[in-house]
Amino acid sequence: MMNLTVFGATGGIGQEIVRQALAAGHRVTAVVRDPARLTVTGPGLEVFRADLRDPEAVRPAVAGRDAVLSGLGARSRRDAGVATRLTRTVLGAMEAEGVRRLLAVSAGPVGPEPAGDGLLDRTARRLVSAVLKDVYADLRAMEAEVARSATDWTVVRPPRLQDKPLTGTYRTVIGGFPPHGRFIARADVAHAMLALTDDPAAVKQGVGVAY
């Protein structure tokens, strides 16, 4: 059993992290701005209401935890900048409390292009990157902040996200991205993050996840 804190716990990936972690028997602190938006319940869950503009305000949510998992990110292009800004708050709280392990969601196009991808995959990747350039710039800045921190970090980089059931069957590439990986369910991203939490090979690495 681990004591985990989840930021972005009302988002698609965040709620899946909370749900799966509770099902696995972990104790979970879900940090939310609006508790009414968190639909997950169960033994071992603590809901911590906080505005993520002040690291001091969220220090109690991370103190003594084994790991922090973050699903923070922009919900649309209008929100570009939010991942970096809010993750900076999380990092400040973690460093103040001496909590080391952090896993954060980024995106496939932020990392290296997979070896062996064909023209179709490369073209699609570049088109998506152009359309969402502000969102990806935010995620690159977030990753840079995380990499400069004192944490034992992992950034998880999925491709296009889907609202589909958990399969538990997907590919992961530490330091890269699965070739021809175009989709993955939010539930499987959450599954991968929980699986990577105690994987020493993933520390200070970007990890591509896809079907």
N, C-alpha and C. Protein backbone atom coordinates (compact mmCIF):
# COMPACT_ATOMS: atom_id res chain seq x y z
N MET A 1 0.83 -1.20 0.00
CA MET A 1 0.00 0.00 0.00
C MET A 1 0.86 1.24 0.00
N MET A 2 0.48 2.22 -0.81
CA MET A 2 1.18 3.51 -0.84
C MET A 2 0.22 4.63 -0.44
N ASN A 3 0.81 5.70 0.05
CA ASN A 3 0.06 6.93 0.31
C ASN A 3 0.33 7.88 -0.85
N LEU A 4 -0.69 8.15 -1.65
CA LEU A 4 -0.54 8.91 -2.88
C LEU A 4 -1.34 10.19 -2.82
N THR A 5 -0.83 11.23 -3.49
CA THR A 5 -1.59 12.45 -3.70
C THR A 5 -1.80 12.63 -5.19
N VAL A 6 -3.01 12.98 -5.58
CA VAL A 6 -3.35 13.16 -7.00
C VAL A 6 -3.81 14.59 -7.22
N PHE A 7 -3.12 15.29 -8.09
CA PHE A 7 -3.53 16.62 -8.53
C PHE A 7 -4.25 16.49 -9.88
N GLY A 8 -5.18 17.41 -10.13
CA GLY A 8 -6.00 17.27 -11.33
C GLY A 8 -6.95 16.10 -11.19
N ALA A 9 -7.41 15.86 -9.96
CA ALA A 9 -8.17 14.64 -9.66
C ALA A 9 -9.58 14.65 -10.22
N THR A 10 -10.06 15.79 -10.71
CA THR A 10 -11.39 15.81 -11.33
C THR A 10 -11.33 15.69 -12.85
N GLY A 11 -10.13 15.64 -13.41
CA GLY A 11 -9.98 15.47 -14.85
C GLY A 11 -10.14 14.01 -15.26
N GLY A 12 -10.12 13.77 -16.56
CA GLY A 12 -10.33 12.43 -17.07
C GLY A 12 -9.29 11.43 -16.60
N ILE A 13 -8.02 11.79 -16.68
CA ILE A 13 -6.96 10.90 -16.22
C ILE A 13 -6.90 10.90 -14.70
N GLY A 14 -7.05 12.07 -14.08
CA GLY A 14 -6.96 12.17 -12.63
C GLY A 14 -7.99 11.31 -11.92
N GLN A 15 -9.23 11.33 -12.38
CA GLN A 15 -10.26 10.51 -11.74
C GLN A 15 -9.96 9.03 -11.89
N GLU A 16 -9.40 8.65 -13.05
CA GLU A 16 -9.03 7.25 -13.25
C GLU A 16 -7.88 6.84 -12.32
N ILE A 17 -6.93 7.75 -12.10
CA ILE A 17 -5.84 7.44 -11.16
C ILE A 17 -6.43 7.19 -9.77
N VAL A 18 -7.31 8.09 -9.34
CA VAL A 18 -7.92 7.95 -8.01
C VAL A 18 -8.69 6.63 -7.92
N ARG A 19 -9.51 6.34 -8.91
CA ARG A 19 -10.34 5.14 -8.90
C ARG A 19 -9.48 3.87 -8.85
N GLN A 20 -8.49 3.80 -9.72
CA GLN A 20 -7.66 2.59 -9.78
C GLN A 20 -6.77 2.45 -8.56
N ALA A 21 -6.28 3.56 -8.05
CA ALA A 21 -5.43 3.49 -6.86
C ALA A 21 -6.22 2.99 -5.65
N LEU A 22 -7.44 3.48 -5.49
CA LEU A 22 -8.28 3.01 -4.39
C LEU A 22 -8.59 1.52 -4.54
N ALA A 23 -8.89 1.11 -5.78
CA ALA A 23 -9.19 -0.30 -6.03
C ALA A 23 -8.01 -1.21 -5.72
N ALA A 24 -6.79 -0.66 -5.86
CA ALA A 24 -5.58 -1.43 -5.56
C ALA A 24 -5.22 -1.41 -4.08
N GLY A 25 -5.99 -0.67 -3.28
CA GLY A 25 -5.77 -0.65 -1.85
C GLY A 25 -4.88 0.47 -1.35
N HIS A 26 -4.55 1.43 -2.23
CA HIS A 26 -3.74 2.56 -1.79
C HIS A 26 -4.59 3.60 -1.06
N ARG A 27 -3.94 4.42 -0.25
CA ARG A 27 -4.60 5.58 0.34
C ARG A 27 -4.35 6.77 -0.58
N VAL A 28 -5.40 7.52 -0.86
CA VAL A 28 -5.32 8.57 -1.89
C VAL A 28 -5.85 9.89 -1.33
N THR A 29 -5.04 10.94 -1.53
CA THR A 29 -5.48 12.31 -1.28
C THR A 29 -5.74 12.96 -2.62
N ALA A 30 -6.99 13.30 -2.90
CA ALA A 30 -7.36 13.92 -4.17
C ALA A 30 -7.46 15.43 -3.96
N VAL A 31 -6.58 16.16 -4.61
CA VAL A 31 -6.57 17.62 -4.48
C VAL A 31 -7.47 18.21 -5.57
N VAL A 32 -8.50 18.94 -5.14
CA VAL A 32 -9.49 19.46 -6.08
C VAL A 32 -9.83 20.89 -5.74
N ARG A 33 -10.31 21.62 -6.72
CA ARG A 33 -10.83 22.96 -6.48
C ARG A 33 -12.31 22.91 -6.14
N ASP A 34 -13.03 21.97 -6.78
CA ASP A 34 -14.47 21.82 -6.56
C ASP A 34 -14.77 20.36 -6.24
N PRO A 35 -14.95 20.01 -4.97
CA PRO A 35 -15.20 18.61 -4.60
C PRO A 35 -16.41 18.00 -5.28
N ALA A 36 -17.38 18.81 -5.68
CA ALA A 36 -18.58 18.27 -6.31
C ALA A 36 -18.28 17.62 -7.66
N ARG A 37 -17.16 17.97 -8.27
CA ARG A 37 -16.80 17.41 -9.57
C ARG A 37 -16.08 16.07 -9.46
N LEU A 38 -15.73 15.67 -8.24
CA LEU A 38 -15.07 14.38 -8.06
C LEU A 38 -16.13 13.31 -7.82
N THR A 39 -16.27 12.41 -8.78
CA THR A 39 -17.33 11.40 -8.70
C THR A 39 -16.88 10.11 -8.03
N VAL A 40 -15.59 9.99 -7.76
CA VAL A 40 -15.05 8.77 -7.16
C VAL A 40 -15.20 8.84 -5.64
N THR A 41 -15.61 7.75 -5.04
CA THR A 41 -15.70 7.64 -3.59
C THR A 41 -15.12 6.30 -3.16
N GLY A 42 -14.88 6.16 -1.87
CA GLY A 42 -14.43 4.87 -1.37
C GLY A 42 -13.54 4.99 -0.17
N PRO A 43 -13.38 3.88 0.56
CA PRO A 43 -12.48 3.87 1.71
C PRO A 43 -11.05 4.21 1.29
N GLY A 44 -10.35 4.95 2.10
CA GLY A 44 -8.98 5.32 1.80
C GLY A 44 -8.85 6.62 1.04
N LEU A 45 -9.97 7.28 0.73
CA LEU A 45 -9.93 8.53 -0.04
C LEU A 45 -10.08 9.74 0.89
N GLU A 46 -9.18 10.69 0.74
CA GLU A 46 -9.28 11.99 1.39
C GLU A 46 -9.40 13.05 0.30
N VAL A 47 -10.40 13.88 0.38
CA VAL A 47 -10.58 14.97 -0.58
C VAL A 47 -10.04 16.25 0.05
N PHE A 48 -9.08 16.86 -0.64
CA PHE A 48 -8.40 18.05 -0.13
C PHE A 48 -8.73 19.21 -1.07
N ARG A 49 -9.47 20.16 -0.57
CA ARG A 49 -9.88 21.30 -1.40
C ARG A 49 -8.80 22.38 -1.35
N ALA A 50 -8.35 22.84 -2.51
CA ALA A 50 -7.28 23.83 -2.55
C ALA A 50 -7.29 24.59 -3.86
N ASP A 51 -6.84 25.82 -3.78
CA ASP A 51 -6.57 26.64 -4.96
C ASP A 51 -5.07 26.54 -5.22
N LEU A 52 -4.71 26.07 -6.40
CA LEU A 52 -3.31 25.77 -6.67
C LEU A 52 -2.49 26.98 -7.09
N ARG A 53 -2.68 28.07 -6.40
CA ARG A 53 -1.83 29.23 -6.65
C ARG A 53 -0.81 29.44 -5.55
N ASP A 54 -0.92 28.67 -4.47
CA ASP A 54 -0.05 28.89 -3.31
C ASP A 54 0.54 27.57 -2.84
N PRO A 55 1.86 27.36 -3.01
CA PRO A 55 2.46 26.12 -2.54
C PRO A 55 2.24 25.85 -1.06
N GLU A 56 2.20 26.91 -0.25
CA GLU A 56 2.00 26.72 1.18
C GLU A 56 0.64 26.09 1.47
N ALA A 57 -0.35 26.44 0.66
CA ALA A 57 -1.70 25.94 0.90
C ALA A 57 -1.83 24.45 0.61
N VAL A 58 -0.96 23.92 -0.25
CA VAL A 58 -1.07 22.50 -0.61
C VAL A 58 -0.01 21.63 0.05
N ARG A 59 0.85 22.22 0.86
CA ARG A 59 1.85 21.41 1.55
C ARG A 59 1.24 20.29 2.38
N PRO A 60 0.14 20.54 3.12
CA PRO A 60 -0.44 19.42 3.89
C PRO A 60 -0.94 18.27 3.02
N ALA A 61 -1.26 18.55 1.76
CA ALA A 61 -1.76 17.50 0.87
C ALA A 61 -0.66 16.56 0.40
N VAL A 62 0.60 17.00 0.45
CA VAL A 62 1.70 16.16 -0.02
C VAL A 62 2.59 15.66 1.10
N ALA A 63 2.48 16.26 2.27
CA ALA A 63 3.37 15.89 3.37
C ALA A 63 3.27 14.41 3.71
N GLY A 64 4.41 13.74 3.76
CA GLY A 64 4.46 12.34 4.15
C GLY A 64 3.98 11.35 3.11
N ARG A 65 3.69 11.81 1.90
CA ARG A 65 3.20 10.90 0.87
C ARG A 65 4.36 10.17 0.19
N ASP A 66 4.05 8.99 -0.33
CA ASP A 66 5.06 8.20 -1.04
C ASP A 66 5.28 8.71 -2.46
N ALA A 67 4.23 9.25 -3.07
CA ALA A 67 4.34 9.75 -4.44
C ALA A 67 3.21 10.73 -4.73
N VAL A 68 3.48 11.60 -5.67
CA VAL A 68 2.49 12.57 -6.17
C VAL A 68 2.28 12.28 -7.64
N LEU A 69 1.02 12.18 -8.05
CA LEU A 69 0.68 11.96 -9.46
C LEU A 69 -0.16 13.13 -9.94
N SER A 70 0.22 13.70 -11.07
CA SER A 70 -0.44 14.90 -11.57
C SER A 70 -1.07 14.68 -12.94
N GLY A 71 -2.36 14.97 -13.01
CA GLY A 71 -3.06 15.00 -14.28
C GLY A 71 -3.34 16.41 -14.73
N LEU A 72 -2.62 17.38 -14.17
CA LEU A 72 -2.85 18.79 -14.48
C LEU A 72 -2.50 19.10 -15.93
N GLY A 73 -3.32 19.92 -16.56
CA GLY A 73 -3.04 20.34 -17.93
C GLY A 73 -4.17 21.16 -18.48
N ALA A 74 -3.94 21.75 -19.64
CA ALA A 74 -4.95 22.60 -20.28
C ALA A 74 -6.11 21.76 -20.79
N ARG A 75 -7.32 22.22 -20.56
CA ARG A 75 -8.50 21.54 -21.10
C ARG A 75 -8.79 22.00 -22.54
N SER A 76 -8.22 23.14 -22.92
CA SER A 76 -8.39 23.66 -24.27
C SER A 76 -7.23 24.59 -24.57
N ARG A 77 -7.14 25.04 -25.83
CA ARG A 77 -6.06 25.95 -26.19
C ARG A 77 -6.11 27.25 -25.41
N ARG A 78 -7.30 27.64 -24.98
CA ARG A 78 -7.43 28.88 -24.20
C ARG A 78 -6.75 28.78 -22.84
N ASP A 79 -6.54 27.54 -22.37
CA ASP A 79 -5.94 27.33 -21.05
C ASP A 79 -4.44 27.14 -21.10
N ALA A 80 -3.82 27.34 -22.27
CA ALA A 80 -2.38 27.14 -22.39
C ALA A 80 -1.65 27.97 -21.35
N GLY A 81 -0.73 27.34 -20.66
CA GLY A 81 0.02 27.97 -19.58
C GLY A 81 -0.31 27.39 -18.22
N VAL A 82 -1.47 26.73 -18.14
CA VAL A 82 -1.92 26.24 -16.84
C VAL A 82 -1.06 25.08 -16.33
N ALA A 83 -0.57 24.23 -17.21
CA ALA A 83 0.23 23.08 -16.77
C ALA A 83 1.50 23.55 -16.08
N THR A 84 2.18 24.51 -16.69
CA THR A 84 3.42 25.01 -16.09
C THR A 84 3.14 25.73 -14.78
N ARG A 85 2.16 26.57 -14.79
CA ARG A 85 1.86 27.38 -13.60
C ARG A 85 1.45 26.52 -12.41
N LEU A 86 0.55 25.57 -12.62
CA LEU A 86 0.07 24.77 -11.52
C LEU A 86 1.10 23.73 -11.07
N THR A 87 1.86 23.19 -12.02
CA THR A 87 2.90 22.24 -11.65
C THR A 87 3.99 22.92 -10.83
N ARG A 88 4.24 24.16 -11.10
CA ARG A 88 5.21 24.92 -10.29
C ARG A 88 4.77 24.96 -8.83
N THR A 89 3.47 25.12 -8.60
CA THR A 89 2.94 25.10 -7.24
C THR A 89 3.16 23.73 -6.59
N VAL A 90 2.86 22.67 -7.35
CA VAL A 90 3.06 21.31 -6.83
C VAL A 90 4.52 21.07 -6.47
N LEU A 91 5.42 21.46 -7.35
CA LEU A 91 6.85 21.28 -7.09
C LEU A 91 7.29 22.04 -5.84
N GLY A 92 6.79 23.25 -5.68
CA GLY A 92 7.14 24.03 -4.50
C GLY A 92 6.70 23.35 -3.22
N ALA A 93 5.49 22.80 -3.22
CA ALA A 93 4.98 22.11 -2.04
C ALA A 93 5.78 20.83 -1.77
N MET A 94 6.09 20.07 -2.82
CA MET A 94 6.84 18.83 -2.65
C MET A 94 8.24 19.10 -2.11
N GLU A 95 8.91 20.10 -2.66
CA GLU A 95 10.27 20.37 -2.22
C GLU A 95 10.28 20.88 -0.79
N ALA A 96 9.27 21.65 -0.41
CA ALA A 96 9.18 22.14 0.98
C ALA A 96 8.98 20.98 1.95
N GLU A 97 8.29 19.94 1.52
CA GLU A 97 7.99 18.80 2.40
C GLU A 97 8.96 17.63 2.21
N GLY A 98 9.89 17.75 1.29
CA GLY A 98 10.86 16.68 1.08
C GLY A 98 10.28 15.44 0.42
N VAL A 99 9.20 15.61 -0.35
CA VAL A 99 8.59 14.49 -1.07
C VAL A 99 9.26 14.37 -2.43
N ARG A 100 9.70 13.18 -2.79
CA ARG A 100 10.57 13.04 -3.95
C ARG A 100 9.87 12.57 -5.23
N ARG A 101 8.96 11.63 -5.12
CA ARG A 101 8.47 10.95 -6.33
C ARG A 101 7.31 11.70 -6.95
N LEU A 102 7.46 12.04 -8.23
CA LEU A 102 6.44 12.76 -8.99
C LEU A 102 6.25 12.11 -10.35
N LEU A 103 4.99 11.91 -10.72
CA LEU A 103 4.64 11.47 -12.07
C LEU A 103 3.63 12.47 -12.63
N ALA A 104 3.90 12.97 -13.83
CA ALA A 104 3.05 14.00 -14.43
C ALA A 104 2.71 13.64 -15.87
N VAL A 105 1.51 14.01 -16.28
CA VAL A 105 1.07 13.76 -17.65
C VAL A 105 1.55 14.87 -18.56
N SER A 106 2.14 14.49 -19.68
CA SER A 106 2.52 15.43 -20.73
C SER A 106 1.80 14.98 -22.01
N ALA A 107 2.50 14.93 -23.14
CA ALA A 107 1.89 14.49 -24.40
C ALA A 107 2.95 13.95 -25.34
N GLY A 108 2.55 12.97 -26.16
CA GLY A 108 3.48 12.32 -27.07
C GLY A 108 4.28 13.28 -27.94
N PRO A 109 3.64 14.28 -28.58
CA PRO A 109 4.39 15.17 -29.47
C PRO A 109 5.44 16.03 -28.78
N VAL A 110 5.42 16.09 -27.45
CA VAL A 110 6.43 16.86 -26.73
C VAL A 110 7.75 16.12 -26.69
N GLY A 111 7.69 14.80 -26.78
CA GLY A 111 8.91 14.00 -26.72
C GLY A 111 9.50 13.73 -28.09
N PRO A 112 10.49 12.86 -28.15
CA PRO A 112 11.14 12.54 -29.43
C PRO A 112 10.22 11.77 -30.35
N GLU A 113 10.40 11.96 -31.65
CA GLU A 113 9.63 11.19 -32.62
C GLU A 113 10.08 9.74 -32.56
N PRO A 114 9.13 8.80 -32.61
CA PRO A 114 9.50 7.39 -32.56
C PRO A 114 10.24 6.95 -33.82
N ALA A 115 11.25 6.14 -33.61
CA ALA A 115 11.97 5.58 -34.76
C ALA A 115 11.05 4.61 -35.48
N GLY A 116 11.08 4.65 -36.79
CA GLY A 116 10.31 3.69 -37.58
C GLY A 116 8.93 4.15 -37.97
N ASP A 117 8.52 5.35 -37.54
CA ASP A 117 7.21 5.85 -37.95
C ASP A 117 7.23 6.18 -39.44
N GLY A 118 6.13 5.92 -40.09
CA GLY A 118 6.03 6.22 -41.51
C GLY A 118 5.61 7.65 -41.77
N LEU A 119 5.45 7.99 -43.05
CA LEU A 119 5.11 9.35 -43.44
C LEU A 119 3.77 9.78 -42.86
N LEU A 120 2.79 8.88 -42.85
CA LEU A 120 1.47 9.21 -42.34
C LEU A 120 1.53 9.61 -40.88
N ASP A 121 2.23 8.83 -40.07
CA ASP A 121 2.34 9.13 -38.64
C ASP A 121 3.09 10.43 -38.41
N ARG A 122 4.17 10.64 -39.13
CA ARG A 122 4.95 11.88 -38.95
C ARG A 122 4.14 13.10 -39.35
N THR A 123 3.41 12.98 -40.46
CA THR A 123 2.60 14.11 -40.93
C THR A 123 1.49 14.43 -39.93
N ALA A 124 0.80 13.39 -39.45
CA ALA A 124 -0.28 13.60 -38.49
C ALA A 124 0.25 14.23 -37.21
N ARG A 125 1.40 13.77 -36.77
CA ARG A 125 2.01 14.30 -35.54
C ARG A 125 2.32 15.79 -35.70
N ARG A 126 2.86 16.17 -36.85
CA ARG A 126 3.24 17.57 -37.07
C ARG A 126 2.02 18.46 -37.25
N LEU A 127 0.96 17.94 -37.86
CA LEU A 127 -0.27 18.72 -37.99
C LEU A 127 -0.90 18.98 -36.62
N VAL A 128 -0.96 17.94 -35.80
CA VAL A 128 -1.51 18.11 -34.45
C VAL A 128 -0.65 19.08 -33.64
N SER A 129 0.65 18.97 -33.78
CA SER A 129 1.56 19.87 -33.05
C SER A 129 1.36 21.32 -33.47
N ALA A 130 1.07 21.54 -34.76
CA ALA A 130 0.84 22.90 -35.23
C ALA A 130 -0.47 23.47 -34.69
N VAL A 131 -1.51 22.64 -34.67
CA VAL A 131 -2.81 23.09 -34.19
C VAL A 131 -2.76 23.38 -32.69
N LEU A 132 -2.07 22.53 -31.95
CA LEU A 132 -2.02 22.65 -30.49
C LEU A 132 -0.68 23.20 -30.01
N LYS A 133 -0.06 24.06 -30.81
CA LYS A 133 1.30 24.51 -30.49
C LYS A 133 1.38 25.21 -29.14
N ASP A 134 0.36 25.98 -28.75
CA ASP A 134 0.41 26.67 -27.46
C ASP A 134 0.30 25.69 -26.30
N VAL A 135 -0.54 24.67 -26.46
CA VAL A 135 -0.69 23.65 -25.42
C VAL A 135 0.62 22.88 -25.27
N TYR A 136 1.24 22.51 -26.39
CA TYR A 136 2.48 21.75 -26.32
C TYR A 136 3.65 22.60 -25.82
N ALA A 137 3.63 23.89 -26.15
CA ALA A 137 4.66 24.78 -25.60
C ALA A 137 4.55 24.84 -24.08
N ASP A 138 3.32 24.87 -23.59
CA ASP A 138 3.08 24.85 -22.15
C ASP A 138 3.63 23.56 -21.54
N LEU A 139 3.35 22.42 -22.18
CA LEU A 139 3.82 21.14 -21.66
C LEU A 139 5.34 21.03 -21.71
N ARG A 140 5.95 21.59 -22.74
CA ARG A 140 7.43 21.58 -22.79
C ARG A 140 8.00 22.41 -21.64
N ALA A 141 7.39 23.56 -21.38
CA ALA A 141 7.83 24.38 -20.27
C ALA A 141 7.61 23.66 -18.94
N MET A 142 6.49 22.98 -18.82
CA MET A 142 6.22 22.20 -17.61
C MET A 142 7.28 21.12 -17.42
N GLU A 143 7.58 20.39 -18.50
CA GLU A 143 8.60 19.34 -18.40
C GLU A 143 9.96 19.92 -18.00
N ALA A 144 10.29 21.09 -18.52
CA ALA A 144 11.56 21.72 -18.16
C ALA A 144 11.60 22.07 -16.68
N GLU A 145 10.49 22.58 -16.15
CA GLU A 145 10.42 22.89 -14.72
C GLU A 145 10.60 21.63 -13.89
N VAL A 146 9.92 20.56 -14.30
CA VAL A 146 10.02 19.30 -13.58
C VAL A 146 11.45 18.76 -13.61
N ALA A 147 12.09 18.84 -14.79
CA ALA A 147 13.45 18.32 -14.93
C ALA A 147 14.46 19.10 -14.09
N ARG A 148 14.18 20.38 -13.86
CA ARG A 148 15.08 21.21 -13.03
C ARG A 148 14.86 21.00 -11.54
N SER A 149 13.78 20.34 -11.18
CA SER A 149 13.42 20.20 -9.77
C SER A 149 14.28 19.15 -9.08
N ALA A 150 14.13 19.09 -7.77
CA ALA A 150 14.85 18.10 -6.96
C ALA A 150 14.10 16.79 -6.86
N THR A 151 13.00 16.66 -7.56
CA THR A 151 12.17 15.46 -7.44
C THR A 151 12.72 14.30 -8.28
N ASP A 152 12.28 13.10 -7.93
CA ASP A 152 12.52 11.91 -8.76
C ASP A 152 11.32 11.80 -9.70
N TRP A 153 11.40 12.47 -10.82
CA TRP A 153 10.24 12.69 -11.68
C TRP A 153 10.15 11.68 -12.81
N THR A 154 8.94 11.53 -13.31
CA THR A 154 8.66 10.83 -14.56
C THR A 154 7.56 11.60 -15.27
N VAL A 155 7.74 11.91 -16.55
CA VAL A 155 6.66 12.48 -17.33
C VAL A 155 6.14 11.41 -18.29
N VAL A 156 4.83 11.25 -18.32
CA VAL A 156 4.19 10.22 -19.13
C VAL A 156 3.56 10.90 -20.34
N ARG A 157 3.93 10.43 -21.54
CA ARG A 157 3.55 11.11 -22.78
C ARG A 157 2.63 10.23 -23.63
N PRO A 158 1.32 10.44 -23.52
CA PRO A 158 0.38 9.68 -24.35
C PRO A 158 0.10 10.38 -25.67
N PRO A 159 -0.45 9.66 -26.66
CA PRO A 159 -0.95 10.27 -27.89
C PRO A 159 -2.40 10.74 -27.68
N ARG A 160 -3.20 10.68 -28.70
CA ARG A 160 -4.60 11.11 -28.60
C ARG A 160 -5.34 10.28 -27.56
N LEU A 161 -6.06 10.97 -26.67
CA LEU A 161 -6.73 10.31 -25.56
C LEU A 161 -8.17 9.93 -25.91
N GLN A 162 -8.59 8.78 -25.39
CA GLN A 162 -9.94 8.31 -25.63
C GLN A 162 -10.63 7.99 -24.30
N ASP A 163 -11.94 8.17 -24.27
CA ASP A 163 -12.74 7.78 -23.11
C ASP A 163 -13.25 6.36 -23.33
N LYS A 164 -12.40 5.41 -23.04
CA LYS A 164 -12.74 4.00 -23.22
C LYS A 164 -12.33 3.23 -21.97
N PRO A 165 -12.86 2.02 -21.79
CA PRO A 165 -12.55 1.24 -20.58
C PRO A 165 -11.07 0.85 -20.50
N LEU A 166 -10.65 0.58 -19.29
CA LEU A 166 -9.30 0.10 -19.03
C LEU A 166 -9.07 -1.23 -19.72
N THR A 167 -7.92 -1.35 -20.41
CA THR A 167 -7.53 -2.63 -20.99
C THR A 167 -6.33 -3.24 -20.26
N GLY A 168 -5.44 -2.39 -19.76
CA GLY A 168 -4.21 -2.88 -19.14
C GLY A 168 -3.22 -3.40 -20.16
N THR A 169 -3.54 -3.24 -21.45
CA THR A 169 -2.67 -3.73 -22.52
C THR A 169 -2.26 -2.56 -23.40
N TYR A 170 -1.03 -2.15 -23.29
CA TYR A 170 -0.51 -1.00 -24.03
C TYR A 170 1.01 -1.12 -24.05
N ARG A 171 1.64 -0.26 -24.83
CA ARG A 171 3.10 -0.28 -24.92
C ARG A 171 3.68 0.93 -24.19
N THR A 172 4.81 0.73 -23.55
CA THR A 172 5.55 1.84 -22.95
C THR A 172 6.98 1.82 -23.46
N VAL A 173 7.52 3.01 -23.69
CA VAL A 173 8.92 3.15 -24.10
C VAL A 173 9.56 4.22 -23.22
N ILE A 174 10.50 3.81 -22.40
CA ILE A 174 11.21 4.76 -21.55
C ILE A 174 12.22 5.52 -22.40
N GLY A 175 12.11 6.85 -22.38
CA GLY A 175 13.00 7.68 -23.18
C GLY A 175 12.60 7.81 -24.63
N GLY A 176 11.43 7.30 -25.00
CA GLY A 176 10.98 7.37 -26.38
C GLY A 176 9.48 7.26 -26.48
N PHE A 177 9.01 6.74 -27.62
CA PHE A 177 7.58 6.63 -27.85
C PHE A 177 7.31 5.40 -28.71
N PRO A 178 6.22 4.66 -28.44
CA PRO A 178 5.93 3.46 -29.23
C PRO A 178 5.66 3.80 -30.70
N PRO A 179 6.31 3.12 -31.64
CA PRO A 179 6.06 3.37 -33.06
C PRO A 179 4.59 3.17 -33.41
N HIS A 180 4.07 4.04 -34.26
CA HIS A 180 2.69 3.98 -34.74
C HIS A 180 1.67 4.05 -33.60
N GLY A 181 2.06 4.63 -32.48
CA GLY A 181 1.14 4.76 -31.35
C GLY A 181 0.26 5.99 -31.53
N ARG A 182 -1.00 5.78 -31.85
CA ARG A 182 -1.89 6.89 -32.20
C ARG A 182 -2.95 7.19 -31.15
N PHE A 183 -3.31 6.20 -30.33
CA PHE A 183 -4.40 6.36 -29.38
C PHE A 183 -4.07 5.66 -28.07
N ILE A 184 -4.78 6.07 -27.03
CA ILE A 184 -4.78 5.33 -25.77
C ILE A 184 -5.93 5.86 -24.92
N ALA A 185 -6.54 5.00 -24.14
CA ALA A 185 -7.61 5.42 -23.23
C ALA A 185 -7.03 6.13 -22.02
N ARG A 186 -7.76 7.10 -21.52
CA ARG A 186 -7.35 7.78 -20.30
C ARG A 186 -7.16 6.79 -19.15
N ALA A 187 -8.01 5.78 -19.11
CA ALA A 187 -7.91 4.78 -18.06
C ALA A 187 -6.58 4.03 -18.13
N ASP A 188 -6.08 3.79 -19.34
CA ASP A 188 -4.80 3.09 -19.47
C ASP A 188 -3.62 4.01 -19.18
N VAL A 189 -3.75 5.29 -19.44
CA VAL A 189 -2.70 6.23 -19.03
C VAL A 189 -2.58 6.22 -17.51
N ALA A 190 -3.72 6.26 -16.83
CA ALA A 190 -3.72 6.20 -15.36
C ALA A 190 -3.08 4.90 -14.88
N HIS A 191 -3.43 3.79 -15.52
CA HIS A 191 -2.86 2.49 -15.17
C HIS A 191 -1.35 2.51 -15.32
N ALA A 192 -0.87 3.08 -16.42
CA ALA A 192 0.57 3.16 -16.66
C ALA A 192 1.26 4.01 -15.60
N MET A 193 0.66 5.13 -15.23
CA MET A 193 1.26 5.99 -14.22
C MET A 193 1.38 5.28 -12.88
N LEU A 194 0.36 4.55 -12.50
CA LEU A 194 0.43 3.81 -11.24
C LEU A 194 1.48 2.70 -11.32
N ALA A 195 1.58 2.05 -12.46
CA ALA A 195 2.57 0.99 -12.62
C ALA A 195 3.99 1.53 -12.59
N LEU A 196 4.19 2.75 -13.09
CA LEU A 196 5.52 3.35 -13.15
C LEU A 196 5.95 3.99 -11.83
N THR A 197 5.03 4.12 -10.90
CA THR A 197 5.32 4.84 -9.67
C THR A 197 6.52 4.26 -8.92
N ASP A 198 6.61 2.93 -8.88
CA ASP A 198 7.73 2.32 -8.16
C ASP A 198 8.72 1.64 -9.12
N ASP A 199 8.81 2.14 -10.34
CA ASP A 199 9.74 1.60 -11.33
C ASP A 199 10.99 2.49 -11.37
N PRO A 200 12.12 2.04 -10.84
CA PRO A 200 13.31 2.88 -10.81
C PRO A 200 13.84 3.24 -12.19
N ALA A 201 13.55 2.42 -13.20
CA ALA A 201 14.03 2.70 -14.55
C ALA A 201 13.36 3.92 -15.15
N ALA A 202 12.20 4.32 -14.60
CA ALA A 202 11.45 5.45 -15.15
C ALA A 202 11.80 6.78 -14.48
N VAL A 203 12.64 6.75 -13.46
CA VAL A 203 12.97 7.98 -12.73
C VAL A 203 13.81 8.90 -13.61
N LYS A 204 13.40 10.17 -13.63
CA LYS A 204 14.05 11.22 -14.45
C LYS A 204 14.03 10.88 -15.94
N GLN A 205 12.87 10.35 -16.37
CA GLN A 205 12.71 9.95 -17.76
C GLN A 205 11.32 10.37 -18.26
N GLY A 206 11.24 10.60 -19.57
CA GLY A 206 9.96 10.68 -20.25
C GLY A 206 9.59 9.29 -20.73
N VAL A 207 8.32 8.92 -20.57
CA VAL A 207 7.87 7.59 -20.96
C VAL A 207 6.69 7.72 -21.92
N GLY A 208 6.87 7.21 -23.14
CA GLY A 208 5.78 7.20 -24.11
C GLY A 208 4.87 6.02 -23.85
N VAL A 209 3.56 6.26 -23.92
CA VAL A 209 2.58 5.18 -23.73
C VAL A 209 1.56 5.24 -24.85
N ALA A 210 1.23 4.10 -25.41
CA ALA A 210 0.26 4.05 -26.51
C ALA A 210 -0.13 2.60 -26.76
N TYR A 211 -1.22 2.41 -27.52
CA TYR A 211 -1.60 1.05 -27.93
C TYR A 211 -0.70 0.60 -29.07
